[in-house]
Amino acid sequence: MTSFEVNIDDELEIDEQSRVGSMFMARVANEIRRAAAIEKSTRKITQQMIADKIGTSRAVVNREMQGLENLSARRTAELLWALGWEPHFEARKIPEGQNLCLDATNKSTLRESSAPVPPDIPRPRSEIPDGRNFLDLVEKAKGAPVPVV
């Protein structure tokens, strides 16, 4: 089976494995863009500066930050390191009965799935140089487009 199929009603269906992988990578890319936006506004860090620090071109950094390139865990760490940030990964157990991949008899699509996503664990609070908390700034700006540096 492919990771996606088009049904008779022309609706795109994606399997849970692909959905979970895609959502995780989207969160990773968003975190990198968030860190870059904060560093651009506070320390005037540019994509060229990031590229110089990790030994690549600005164009490559731009494509990676836009989500046009697949990022390995190593490259994610390198980008965050260049920004002065530390990557953090945490695995959480999916509650019993909510992992559709383990149910071999379940042929439901994402549309039919009602499995809730485990709640986020609060991240530690961090201060930016002028004393403001950047997480508070991000919360206030939720929904606003994240600038690409």
C-alpha atoms as a PDB file:
ATOM      1  CA  MET A   1       0.000   0.000   0.000  1.00  0.00           C
ATOM      2  CA  THR A   2       1.249   3.496  -0.782  1.00  0.00           C
ATOM      3  CA  SER A   3       1.377   6.137   1.933  1.00  0.00           C
ATOM      4  CA  PHE A   4      -1.520   7.912   0.274  1.00  0.00           C
ATOM      5  CA  GLU A   5      -4.442   6.960  -1.927  1.00  0.00           C
ATOM      6  CA  VAL A   6      -7.147   8.872  -3.728  1.00  0.00           C
ATOM      7  CA  ASN A   7     -10.621   7.511  -3.141  1.00  0.00           C
ATOM      8  CA  ILE A   8     -13.634   7.622  -5.426  1.00  0.00           C
ATOM      9  CA  ASP A   9     -14.690  11.027  -4.077  1.00  0.00           C
ATOM     10  CA  ASP A  10     -11.248  12.447  -5.034  1.00  0.00           C
ATOM     11  CA  GLU A  11     -10.261  12.949  -1.411  1.00  0.00           C
ATOM     12  CA  LEU A  12      -6.627  12.468  -0.507  1.00  0.00           C
ATOM     13  CA  GLU A  13      -6.194   9.901   2.231  1.00  0.00           C
ATOM     14  CA  ILE A  14      -2.913   9.519   4.086  1.00  0.00           C
ATOM     15  CA  ASP A  15      -1.966   6.634   6.326  1.00  0.00           C
ATOM     16  CA  GLU A  16      -1.217   7.239   9.986  1.00  0.00           C
ATOM     17  CA  GLN A  17       2.490   6.473   9.644  1.00  0.00           C
ATOM     18  CA  SER A  18       2.919   9.149   6.960  1.00  0.00           C
ATOM     19  CA  ARG A  19       0.719  11.606   8.869  1.00  0.00           C
ATOM     20  CA  VAL A  20       2.729  11.198  12.084  1.00  0.00           C
ATOM     21  CA  GLY A  21       6.059  11.492  10.250  1.00  0.00           C
ATOM     22  CA  SER A  22       4.920  14.561   8.326  1.00  0.00           C
ATOM     23  CA  MET A  23       3.521  16.273  11.403  1.00  0.00           C
ATOM     24  CA  PHE A  24       6.727  15.657  13.357  1.00  0.00           C
ATOM     25  CA  MET A  25       8.931  17.044  10.584  1.00  0.00           C
ATOM     26  CA  ALA A  26       6.624  20.073  10.272  1.00  0.00           C
ATOM     27  CA  ARG A  27       7.015  20.744  14.008  1.00  0.00           C
ATOM     28  CA  VAL A  28      10.813  20.424  13.684  1.00  0.00           C
ATOM     29  CA  ALA A  29      10.891  22.860  10.743  1.00  0.00           C
ATOM     30  CA  ASN A  30       8.612  25.288  12.603  1.00  0.00           C
ATOM     31  CA  GLU A  31      10.897  25.195  15.649  1.00  0.00           C
ATOM     32  CA  ILE A  32      13.919  25.983  13.476  1.00  0.00           C
ATOM     33  CA  ARG A  33      12.066  28.887  11.825  1.00  0.00           C
ATOM     34  CA  ARG A  34      10.887  30.130  15.229  1.00  0.00           C
ATOM     35  CA  ALA A  35      14.439  30.064  16.607  1.00  0.00           C
ATOM     36  CA  ALA A  36      15.748  31.805  13.472  1.00  0.00           C
ATOM     37  CA  ALA A  37      13.091  34.528  13.714  1.00  0.00           C
ATOM     38  CA  ILE A  38      13.917  35.168  17.357  1.00  0.00           C
ATOM     39  CA  GLU A  39      17.650  35.324  16.633  1.00  0.00           C
ATOM     40  CA  LYS A  40      17.078  37.585  13.647  1.00  0.00           C
ATOM     41  CA  SER A  41      15.094  40.037  15.747  1.00  0.00           C
ATOM     42  CA  THR A  42      17.353  39.921  18.807  1.00  0.00           C
ATOM     43  CA  ARG A  43      20.859  39.351  17.412  1.00  0.00           C
ATOM     44  CA  LYS A  44      20.387  40.210  13.713  1.00  0.00           C
ATOM     45  CA  ILE A  45      21.441  36.675  12.641  1.00  0.00           C
ATOM     46  CA  THR A  46      21.065  36.140   8.868  1.00  0.00           C
ATOM     47  CA  GLN A  47      20.852  33.008   6.730  1.00  0.00           C
ATOM     48  CA  GLN A  48      24.288  33.885   5.344  1.00  0.00           C
ATOM     49  CA  MET A  49      25.739  33.915   8.862  1.00  0.00           C
ATOM     50  CA  ILE A  50      24.162  30.522   9.566  1.00  0.00           C
ATOM     51  CA  ALA A  51      25.494  29.144   6.263  1.00  0.00           C
ATOM     52  CA  ASP A  52      29.008  30.429   6.974  1.00  0.00           C
ATOM     53  CA  LYS A  53      29.006  28.863  10.429  1.00  0.00           C
ATOM     54  CA  ILE A  54      27.962  25.390   9.216  1.00  0.00           C
ATOM     55  CA  GLY A  55      29.956  25.518   5.985  1.00  0.00           C
ATOM     56  CA  THR A  56      27.276  25.594   3.316  1.00  0.00           C
ATOM     57  CA  SER A  57      25.588  28.126   1.052  1.00  0.00           C
ATOM     58  CA  ARG A  58      22.832  30.545   1.982  1.00  0.00           C
ATOM     59  CA  ALA A  59      20.623  28.961  -0.703  1.00  0.00           C
ATOM     60  CA  VAL A  60      20.862  25.549   0.994  1.00  0.00           C
ATOM     61  CA  VAL A  61      20.000  27.064   4.393  1.00  0.00           C
ATOM     62  CA  ASN A  62      17.078  28.909   2.790  1.00  0.00           C
ATOM     63  CA  ARG A  63      15.673  25.699   1.250  1.00  0.00           C
ATOM     64  CA  GLU A  64      16.107  23.819   4.525  1.00  0.00           C
ATOM     65  CA  MET A  65      14.331  26.516   6.525  1.00  0.00           C
ATOM     66  CA  GLN A  66      11.495  26.703   4.020  1.00  0.00           C
ATOM     67  CA  GLY A  67      10.965  22.960   4.358  1.00  0.00           C
ATOM     68  CA  LEU A  68      11.982  22.252   0.761  1.00  0.00           C
ATOM     69  CA  GLU A  69      14.792  19.904   1.848  1.00  0.00           C
ATOM     70  CA  ASN A  70      14.565  16.799   4.001  1.00  0.00           C
ATOM     71  CA  LEU A  71      16.368  17.431   7.265  1.00  0.00           C
ATOM     72  CA  SER A  72      18.254  14.734   9.116  1.00  0.00           C
ATOM     73  CA  ALA A  73      18.452  14.855  12.903  1.00  0.00           C
ATOM     74  CA  ARG A  74      22.117  15.841  12.505  1.00  0.00           C
ATOM     75  CA  ARG A  75      21.324  18.744  10.153  1.00  0.00           C
ATOM     76  CA  THR A  76      18.562  19.928  12.479  1.00  0.00           C
ATOM     77  CA  ALA A  77      21.094  19.998  15.324  1.00  0.00           C
ATOM     78  CA  GLU A  78      23.640  21.845  13.137  1.00  0.00           C
ATOM     79  CA  LEU A  79      21.147  24.546  12.158  1.00  0.00           C
ATOM     80  CA  LEU A  80      20.049  25.073  15.751  1.00  0.00           C
ATOM     81  CA  TRP A  81      23.679  25.090  16.936  1.00  0.00           C
ATOM     82  CA  ALA A  82      24.486  27.785  14.379  1.00  0.00           C
ATOM     83  CA  LEU A  83      21.614  29.825  15.812  1.00  0.00           C
ATOM     84  CA  GLY A  84      22.877  29.335  19.365  1.00  0.00           C
ATOM     85  CA  TRP A  85      20.069  26.962  20.307  1.00  0.00           C
ATOM     86  CA  GLU A  86      20.120  23.427  21.630  1.00  0.00           C
ATOM     87  CA  PRO A  87      17.903  20.806  19.990  1.00  0.00           C
ATOM     88  CA  HIS A  88      15.680  18.776  22.285  1.00  0.00           C
ATOM     89  CA  PHE A  89      13.890  15.552  21.417  1.00  0.00           C
ATOM     90  CA  GLU A  90      11.422  13.737  23.597  1.00  0.00           C
ATOM     91  CA  ALA A  91       9.471  10.568  22.875  1.00  0.00           C
ATOM     92  CA  ARG A  92       6.131   9.996  24.582  1.00  0.00           C
ATOM     93  CA  LYS A  93       4.125   6.785  24.736  1.00  0.00           C
ATOM     94  CA  ILE A  94       0.885   6.790  22.768  1.00  0.00           C
ATOM     95  CA  PRO A  95      -1.994   5.909  25.122  1.00  0.00           C
ATOM     96  CA  GLU A  96      -3.311   2.352  24.827  1.00  0.00           C
ATOM     97  CA  GLY A  97      -5.785   1.928  21.994  1.00  0.00           C
ATOM     98  CA  GLN A  98      -4.893   5.164  20.230  1.00  0.00           C
ATOM     99  CA  ASN A  99      -2.115   3.875  17.953  1.00  0.00           C
ATOM    100  CA  LEU A 100      -3.951   2.874  14.792  1.00  0.00           C
ATOM    101  CA  CYS A 101      -0.775   1.422  13.246  1.00  0.00           C
ATOM    102  CA  LEU A 102      -0.711  -1.429  15.749  1.00  0.00           C
ATOM    103  CA  ASP A 103      -4.268  -2.523  14.942  1.00  0.00           C
ATOM    104  CA  ALA A 104      -3.828  -4.724  11.865  1.00  0.00           C
ATOM    105  CA  THR A 105      -7.599  -5.080  11.421  1.00  0.00           C
ATOM    106  CA  ASN A 106      -8.227  -1.323  11.466  1.00  0.00           C
ATOM    107  CA  LYS A 107      -8.489  -0.059   7.885  1.00  0.00           C
ATOM    108  CA  SER A 108      -9.794   3.383   8.860  1.00  0.00           C
ATOM    109  CA  THR A 109      -8.567   6.501   7.123  1.00  0.00           C
ATOM    110  CA  LEU A 110      -7.361   9.677   8.758  1.00  0.00           C
ATOM    111  CA  ARG A 111     -10.808  11.183   8.093  1.00  0.00           C
ATOM    112  CA  GLU A 112     -12.445   8.446  10.176  1.00  0.00           C
ATOM    113  CA  SER A 113      -9.818   8.427  12.924  1.00  0.00           C
ATOM    114  CA  SER A 114     -10.641  10.166  16.160  1.00  0.00           C
ATOM    115  CA  ALA A 115      -7.442   9.299  18.024  1.00  0.00           C
ATOM    116  CA  PRO A 116      -6.464  12.334  20.092  1.00  0.00           C
ATOM    117  CA  VAL A 117      -2.932  13.664  19.984  1.00  0.00           C
ATOM    118  CA  PRO A 118      -1.082  13.352  23.320  1.00  0.00           C
ATOM    119  CA  PRO A 119      -0.884  16.701  25.146  1.00  0.00           C
ATOM    120  CA  ASP A 120       2.245  18.797  24.796  1.00  0.00           C
ATOM    121  CA  ILE A 121       4.564  18.946  27.762  1.00  0.00           C
ATOM    122  CA  PRO A 122       5.355  22.575  28.641  1.00  0.00           C
ATOM    123  CA  ARG A 123       8.779  23.736  27.519  1.00  0.00           C
ATOM    124  CA  PRO A 124      11.126  25.516  29.928  1.00  0.00           C
ATOM    125  CA  ARG A 125      10.818  29.276  29.940  1.00  0.00           C
ATOM    126  CA  SER A 126      13.646  31.248  28.361  1.00  0.00           C
ATOM    127  CA  GLU A 127      14.555  34.878  28.564  1.00  0.00           C
ATOM    128  CA  ILE A 128      15.863  36.964  25.678  1.00  0.00           C
ATOM    129  CA  PRO A 129      18.581  39.566  26.307  1.00  0.00           C
ATOM    130  CA  ASP A 130      16.198  42.463  27.053  1.00  0.00           C
ATOM    131  CA  GLY A 131      14.471  40.452  29.811  1.00  0.00           C
ATOM    132  CA  ARG A 132      11.312  39.551  27.892  1.00  0.00           C
ATOM    133  CA  ASN A 133      10.315  35.908  27.587  1.00  0.00           C
ATOM    134  CA  PHE A 134      10.385  34.767  23.968  1.00  0.00           C
ATOM    135  CA  LEU A 135       7.753  32.066  24.583  1.00  0.00           C
ATOM    136  CA  ASP A 136       5.349  34.814  25.671  1.00  0.00           C
ATOM    137  CA  LEU A 137       6.183  36.727  22.488  1.00  0.00           C
ATOM    138  CA  VAL A 138       5.541  33.614  20.404  1.00  0.00           C
ATOM    139  CA  GLU A 139       2.212  32.973  22.149  1.00  0.00           C
ATOM    140  CA  LYS A 140       1.108  36.527  21.367  1.00  0.00           C
ATOM    141  CA  ALA A 141       2.108  36.087  17.711  1.00  0.00           C
ATOM    142  CA  LYS A 142       0.424  32.687  17.222  1.00  0.00           C
ATOM    143  CA  GLY A 143      -1.209  32.484  13.853  1.00  0.00           C
ATOM    144  CA  ALA A 144       1.035  35.161  12.409  1.00  0.00           C
ATOM    145  CA  PRO A 145       3.375  34.019   9.615  1.00  0.00           C
ATOM    146  CA  VAL A 146       6.864  33.117  10.791  1.00  0.00           C
ATOM    147  CA  PRO A 147       9.435  35.153   8.868  1.00  0.00           C
ATOM    148  CA  VAL A 148      12.200  33.240   7.143  1.00  0.00           C
ATOM    149  CA  VAL A 149      15.621  34.767   7.767  1.00  0.00           C
END
